[in-house]
């Protein structure tokens, strides 16, 4: 289920992926490509996923949180 700020944050992240990856401390040496994570047929979806490099060397997922969640690392 989408939350009120999901659409705005997803749009910002999709528009400026290198800036967001730098903000969370992910080094980016090659191109960054947004990965389509719209999983309309299931109930779970990632907020944003990027493939870094060409061919992709790794994937980075961003999950937006409104507040601290002690169980986040277990859930991700």
C-alpha atoms as a PDB file:
ATOM      1  CA  UNK A   1       0.000   0.000   0.000  1.00  0.00           C
ATOM      2  CA  UNK A   2       1.406   3.395  -0.965  1.00  0.00           C
ATOM      3  CA  UNK A   3       1.888   5.920   1.783  1.00  0.00           C
ATOM      4  CA  UNK A   4       1.352   9.695   1.398  1.00  0.00           C
ATOM      5  CA  UNK A   5       4.984  10.623   0.679  1.00  0.00           C
ATOM      6  CA  UNK A   6       5.948   7.605  -1.444  1.00  0.00           C
ATOM      7  CA  UNK A   7       5.126   9.169  -4.822  1.00  0.00           C
ATOM      8  CA  UNK A   8       7.025  12.402  -4.134  1.00  0.00           C
ATOM      9  CA  UNK A   9      10.120  10.635  -2.770  1.00  0.00           C
ATOM     10  CA  UNK A  10      10.123   8.097  -5.599  1.00  0.00           C
ATOM     11  CA  UNK A  11       9.964  10.921  -8.152  1.00  0.00           C
ATOM     12  CA  UNK A  12      12.885  12.751  -6.504  1.00  0.00           C
ATOM     13  CA  UNK A  13      14.993   9.595  -6.300  1.00  0.00           C
ATOM     14  CA  UNK A  14      14.270   8.633  -9.909  1.00  0.00           C
ATOM     15  CA  UNK A  15      15.171  12.151 -11.080  1.00  0.00           C
ATOM     16  CA  UNK A  16      18.454  12.418  -9.138  1.00  0.00           C
ATOM     17  CA  UNK A  17      19.726   8.882  -8.436  1.00  0.00           C
ATOM     18  CA  UNK A  18      23.447   9.778  -8.184  1.00  0.00           C
ATOM     19  CA  UNK A  19      22.712  12.473  -5.593  1.00  0.00           C
ATOM     20  CA  UNK A  20      20.663  10.106  -3.448  1.00  0.00           C
ATOM     21  CA  UNK A  21      23.250   7.335  -3.635  1.00  0.00           C
ATOM     22  CA  UNK A  22      25.953   9.820  -2.608  1.00  0.00           C
ATOM     23  CA  UNK A  23      23.765  11.031   0.268  1.00  0.00           C
ATOM     24  CA  UNK A  24      23.534   7.501   1.695  1.00  0.00           C
ATOM     25  CA  UNK A  25      27.254   6.851   1.199  1.00  0.00           C
ATOM     26  CA  UNK A  26      27.158   4.540  -1.832  1.00  0.00           C
ATOM     27  CA  UNK A  27      30.153   5.042  -4.152  1.00  0.00           C
ATOM     28  CA  UNK A  28      29.164   5.322  -7.813  1.00  0.00           C
ATOM     29  CA  UNK A  29      31.886   4.807 -10.416  1.00  0.00           C
ATOM     30  CA  UNK A  30      29.720   4.038 -13.460  1.00  0.00           C
ATOM     31  CA  UNK A  31      26.284   4.729 -14.867  1.00  0.00           C
ATOM     32  CA  UNK A  32      23.229   4.411 -12.627  1.00  0.00           C
ATOM     33  CA  UNK A  33      20.019   2.932 -14.007  1.00  0.00           C
ATOM     34  CA  UNK A  34      16.671   2.856 -12.242  1.00  0.00           C
ATOM     35  CA  UNK A  35      15.251  -0.665 -12.065  1.00  0.00           C
ATOM     36  CA  UNK A  36      11.502  -1.114 -12.569  1.00  0.00           C
ATOM     37  CA  UNK A  37      10.279  -2.420  -9.216  1.00  0.00           C
ATOM     38  CA  UNK A  38       6.556  -2.103  -9.849  1.00  0.00           C
ATOM     39  CA  UNK A  39       5.318  -5.452  -8.640  1.00  0.00           C
ATOM     40  CA  UNK A  40       1.640  -4.932  -9.355  1.00  0.00           C
ATOM     41  CA  UNK A  41       0.822  -8.630  -9.051  1.00  0.00           C
ATOM     42  CA  UNK A  42       2.148  -8.977  -5.487  1.00  0.00           C
ATOM     43  CA  UNK A  43       1.717  -6.911  -2.350  1.00  0.00           C
ATOM     44  CA  UNK A  44       5.402  -6.035  -1.791  1.00  0.00           C
ATOM     45  CA  UNK A  45       7.538  -3.587  -3.735  1.00  0.00           C
ATOM     46  CA  UNK A  46      10.756  -1.703  -3.116  1.00  0.00           C
ATOM     47  CA  UNK A  47      10.640   2.087  -2.990  1.00  0.00           C
ATOM     48  CA  UNK A  48      13.594   2.514  -5.363  1.00  0.00           C
ATOM     49  CA  UNK A  49      16.218   0.175  -6.849  1.00  0.00           C
ATOM     50  CA  UNK A  50      19.227   1.203  -8.944  1.00  0.00           C
ATOM     51  CA  UNK A  51      21.670  -0.870 -10.974  1.00  0.00           C
ATOM     52  CA  UNK A  52      25.159   0.659 -10.749  1.00  0.00           C
ATOM     53  CA  UNK A  53      27.640   0.083 -13.569  1.00  0.00           C
ATOM     54  CA  UNK A  54      27.438  -1.236 -17.106  1.00  0.00           C
ATOM     55  CA  UNK A  55      27.055  -4.162 -16.881  1.00  0.00           C
ATOM     56  CA  UNK A  56      25.613  -3.684 -13.394  1.00  0.00           C
ATOM     57  CA  UNK A  57      28.189  -4.397 -10.685  1.00  0.00           C
ATOM     58  CA  UNK A  58      25.641  -4.122  -7.873  1.00  0.00           C
ATOM     59  CA  UNK A  59      22.107  -3.084  -6.994  1.00  0.00           C
ATOM     60  CA  UNK A  60      21.131  -0.485  -4.407  1.00  0.00           C
ATOM     61  CA  UNK A  61      17.689  -0.359  -2.836  1.00  0.00           C
ATOM     62  CA  UNK A  62      16.314   2.652  -0.979  1.00  0.00           C
ATOM     63  CA  UNK A  63      13.452   2.131   1.463  1.00  0.00           C
ATOM     64  CA  UNK A  64      11.852   5.276   2.846  1.00  0.00           C
ATOM     65  CA  UNK A  65      11.019   5.429   6.547  1.00  0.00           C
ATOM     66  CA  UNK A  66       9.103   8.169   8.346  1.00  0.00           C
ATOM     67  CA  UNK A  67      10.797   7.299  11.651  1.00  0.00           C
ATOM     68  CA  UNK A  68      13.372   4.947  13.166  1.00  0.00           C
ATOM     69  CA  UNK A  69      12.474   1.263  12.844  1.00  0.00           C
ATOM     70  CA  UNK A  70      14.574  -1.105  14.942  1.00  0.00           C
ATOM     71  CA  UNK A  71      13.408  -4.098  12.880  1.00  0.00           C
ATOM     72  CA  UNK A  72      14.315  -2.567   9.485  1.00  0.00           C
ATOM     73  CA  UNK A  73      17.523  -4.560   8.936  1.00  0.00           C
ATOM     74  CA  UNK A  74      15.668  -7.787   9.716  1.00  0.00           C
ATOM     75  CA  UNK A  75      12.865  -6.922   7.280  1.00  0.00           C
ATOM     76  CA  UNK A  76      15.159  -5.815   4.447  1.00  0.00           C
END
